[in-house]
Structures are given as structure tokens and as C-alpha cells.
Amino acid sequence: MHFHNGKAIRQLEISDFGKVYLTNDNPQHGESFLYDQSLDELALEESDYISDEMFNEVWNDR
């Protein structure tokens, strides 16, 4: 997920069936929905984070 000001603005779900790209303009695809809670609501570890560059590399590989 890509957050801006604590709110998810892009989300990428990767599974055996492919990739699902979610954005503010496209918040739902099938059973997938753009995360609608605050970043503070997530219990994340340091290892859960990736760089902007890594996220964008995967996001742009369509």
C-alpha cells in the first residue's frame, strides 16, 4: 500500500491469479477494496515496509 497523509491512495495485491491495482479512482476490483483505515490502525513491523522505488517498480510492471 502507498499512503499519503495517513490514508491509502494506492494498493497492490499480488496472488497466484495475478495483480490487482487499487486507487482512489478505482477503489474496488472484484472482492478487493482499497484499504480505508488510517495507517496508524495497522500493526506493522519495520520489515513490512518497502521503499517508494520498490513499490513503484512493481506497480509500473503491468
N, C-alpha and C. Protein backbone atom coordinates (compact mmCIF):
# COMPACT_ATOMS: atom_id res chain seq x y z
N MET A 1 0.83 -1.17 0.00
CA MET A 1 0.00 0.00 0.00
C MET A 1 0.88 1.24 0.00
N HIS A 2 0.37 2.25 -0.64
CA HIS A 2 1.04 3.54 -0.68
C HIS A 2 0.13 4.51 0.08
N PHE A 3 0.67 5.12 1.12
CA PHE A 3 -0.09 6.04 1.95
C PHE A 3 0.36 7.47 1.72
N HIS A 4 -0.57 8.39 1.83
CA HIS A 4 -0.28 9.83 1.80
C HIS A 4 -1.11 10.47 2.90
N ASN A 5 -0.44 11.17 3.80
CA ASN A 5 -1.12 11.78 4.95
C ASN A 5 -1.93 10.75 5.75
N GLY A 6 -1.39 9.54 5.88
CA GLY A 6 -2.02 8.51 6.69
C GLY A 6 -3.14 7.75 6.02
N LYS A 7 -3.45 8.08 4.75
CA LYS A 7 -4.54 7.42 4.04
C LYS A 7 -3.99 6.66 2.83
N ALA A 8 -4.52 5.44 2.62
CA ALA A 8 -4.09 4.64 1.47
C ALA A 8 -4.56 5.30 0.19
N ILE A 9 -3.64 5.50 -0.75
CA ILE A 9 -4.01 6.06 -2.05
C ILE A 9 -3.76 5.09 -3.20
N ARG A 10 -2.90 4.10 -2.96
CA ARG A 10 -2.66 3.03 -3.94
C ARG A 10 -2.44 1.74 -3.18
N GLN A 11 -2.93 0.67 -3.75
CA GLN A 11 -2.76 -0.64 -3.12
C GLN A 11 -2.58 -1.66 -4.22
N LEU A 12 -1.64 -2.55 -4.03
CA LEU A 12 -1.35 -3.61 -4.98
C LEU A 12 -1.48 -4.94 -4.27
N GLU A 13 -2.34 -5.80 -4.81
CA GLU A 13 -2.49 -7.14 -4.26
C GLU A 13 -1.95 -8.13 -5.28
N ILE A 14 -1.04 -9.00 -4.84
CA ILE A 14 -0.42 -9.98 -5.72
C ILE A 14 -0.79 -11.36 -5.23
N SER A 15 -1.30 -12.18 -6.15
CA SER A 15 -1.66 -13.56 -5.80
C SER A 15 -1.31 -14.46 -6.98
N ASP A 16 -1.61 -15.74 -6.83
CA ASP A 16 -1.38 -16.69 -7.92
C ASP A 16 -2.24 -16.36 -9.14
N PHE A 17 -3.29 -15.59 -8.94
CA PHE A 17 -4.21 -15.26 -10.03
C PHE A 17 -3.82 -13.98 -10.75
N GLY A 18 -2.83 -13.27 -10.26
CA GLY A 18 -2.38 -12.04 -10.89
C GLY A 18 -2.29 -10.89 -9.92
N LYS A 19 -2.28 -9.68 -10.47
CA LYS A 19 -2.16 -8.46 -9.67
C LYS A 19 -3.46 -7.67 -9.74
N VAL A 20 -3.82 -7.06 -8.63
CA VAL A 20 -4.97 -6.18 -8.55
C VAL A 20 -4.45 -4.81 -8.13
N TYR A 21 -4.74 -3.79 -8.96
CA TYR A 21 -4.31 -2.42 -8.71
C TYR A 21 -5.50 -1.61 -8.24
N LEU A 22 -5.40 -1.04 -7.04
CA LEU A 22 -6.48 -0.25 -6.47
C LEU A 22 -5.99 1.16 -6.22
N THR A 23 -6.83 2.14 -6.51
CA THR A 23 -6.51 3.55 -6.30
C THR A 23 -7.75 4.28 -5.80
N ASN A 24 -7.60 5.56 -5.48
CA ASN A 24 -8.76 6.37 -5.12
C ASN A 24 -9.79 6.39 -6.24
N ASP A 25 -9.33 6.42 -7.49
CA ASP A 25 -10.23 6.44 -8.64
C ASP A 25 -10.80 5.06 -8.96
N ASN A 26 -10.13 4.01 -8.52
CA ASN A 26 -10.57 2.63 -8.75
C ASN A 26 -10.41 1.85 -7.44
N PRO A 27 -11.30 2.13 -6.45
CA PRO A 27 -11.11 1.55 -5.11
C PRO A 27 -11.58 0.11 -4.94
N GLN A 28 -12.21 -0.46 -5.97
CA GLN A 28 -12.70 -1.84 -5.86
C GLN A 28 -12.47 -2.59 -7.15
N HIS A 29 -12.08 -3.87 -6.99
CA HIS A 29 -11.95 -4.77 -8.13
C HIS A 29 -12.31 -6.16 -7.61
N GLY A 30 -13.41 -6.69 -8.10
CA GLY A 30 -13.86 -7.99 -7.59
C GLY A 30 -14.12 -7.90 -6.09
N GLU A 31 -13.46 -8.77 -5.35
CA GLU A 31 -13.62 -8.78 -3.89
C GLU A 31 -12.55 -7.96 -3.17
N SER A 32 -11.72 -7.25 -3.92
CA SER A 32 -10.66 -6.43 -3.34
C SER A 32 -11.11 -4.98 -3.21
N PHE A 33 -10.78 -4.37 -2.07
CA PHE A 33 -11.12 -2.98 -1.79
C PHE A 33 -9.90 -2.24 -1.30
N LEU A 34 -9.77 -0.98 -1.71
CA LEU A 34 -8.69 -0.13 -1.22
C LEU A 34 -8.84 0.04 0.29
N TYR A 35 -7.75 -0.15 1.01
CA TYR A 35 -7.74 -0.03 2.46
C TYR A 35 -8.31 1.32 2.87
N ASP A 36 -9.30 1.31 3.77
CA ASP A 36 -9.98 2.56 4.11
C ASP A 36 -9.78 3.00 5.56
N GLN A 37 -8.77 2.47 6.21
CA GLN A 37 -8.45 2.86 7.57
C GLN A 37 -7.16 3.68 7.56
N SER A 38 -6.84 4.27 8.68
CA SER A 38 -5.62 5.05 8.83
C SER A 38 -4.40 4.14 8.89
N LEU A 39 -3.28 4.66 8.45
CA LEU A 39 -2.01 3.93 8.57
C LEU A 39 -1.76 3.56 10.02
N ASP A 40 -2.17 4.41 10.94
CA ASP A 40 -1.96 4.16 12.37
C ASP A 40 -2.74 2.94 12.86
N GLU A 41 -3.76 2.51 12.13
CA GLU A 41 -4.58 1.35 12.52
C GLU A 41 -3.84 0.03 12.28
N LEU A 42 -2.84 0.05 11.43
CA LEU A 42 -2.11 -1.17 11.09
C LEU A 42 -1.03 -1.47 12.12
N ALA A 43 -0.88 -2.73 12.44
CA ALA A 43 0.20 -3.16 13.33
C ALA A 43 1.33 -3.67 12.45
N LEU A 44 2.17 -2.76 12.01
CA LEU A 44 3.26 -3.10 11.09
C LEU A 44 4.60 -3.16 11.80
N GLU A 45 5.43 -4.04 11.31
CA GLU A 45 6.82 -4.15 11.77
C GLU A 45 7.70 -3.42 10.76
N GLU A 46 8.89 -3.09 11.16
CA GLU A 46 9.84 -2.41 10.26
C GLU A 46 10.03 -3.20 8.97
N SER A 47 10.05 -4.53 9.07
CA SER A 47 10.27 -5.37 7.89
C SER A 47 9.07 -5.38 6.94
N ASP A 48 7.93 -4.83 7.34
CA ASP A 48 6.75 -4.77 6.48
C ASP A 48 6.84 -3.63 5.46
N TYR A 49 7.73 -2.68 5.71
CA TYR A 49 7.85 -1.52 4.84
C TYR A 49 8.79 -1.78 3.68
N ILE A 50 8.45 -1.20 2.53
CA ILE A 50 9.36 -1.21 1.37
C ILE A 50 9.54 0.23 0.92
N SER A 51 10.56 0.46 0.12
CA SER A 51 10.84 1.82 -0.36
C SER A 51 9.83 2.23 -1.43
N ASP A 52 9.73 3.55 -1.64
CA ASP A 52 8.89 4.06 -2.72
C ASP A 52 9.33 3.48 -4.05
N GLU A 53 10.64 3.40 -4.24
CA GLU A 53 11.17 2.90 -5.50
C GLU A 53 10.75 1.45 -5.74
N MET A 54 10.81 0.63 -4.72
CA MET A 54 10.43 -0.77 -4.87
C MET A 54 8.93 -0.90 -5.17
N PHE A 55 8.10 -0.14 -4.45
CA PHE A 55 6.67 -0.16 -4.70
C PHE A 55 6.38 0.25 -6.14
N ASN A 56 6.97 1.37 -6.57
CA ASN A 56 6.71 1.87 -7.92
C ASN A 56 7.21 0.92 -8.99
N GLU A 57 8.31 0.23 -8.74
CA GLU A 57 8.82 -0.73 -9.71
C GLU A 57 7.79 -1.84 -9.95
N VAL A 58 7.23 -2.36 -8.88
CA VAL A 58 6.22 -3.41 -9.01
C VAL A 58 4.93 -2.84 -9.57
N TRP A 59 4.52 -1.66 -9.12
CA TRP A 59 3.30 -1.01 -9.58
C TRP A 59 3.35 -0.77 -11.09
N ASN A 60 4.49 -0.33 -11.58
CA ASN A 60 4.64 0.01 -13.00
C ASN A 60 4.89 -1.18 -13.89
N ASP A 61 5.10 -2.36 -13.32
CA ASP A 61 5.33 -3.58 -14.10
C ASP A 61 3.99 -4.25 -14.40
N ARG A 62 3.26 -3.64 -15.31
CA ARG A 62 1.91 -4.14 -15.65
C ARG A 62 1.94 -4.99 -16.88
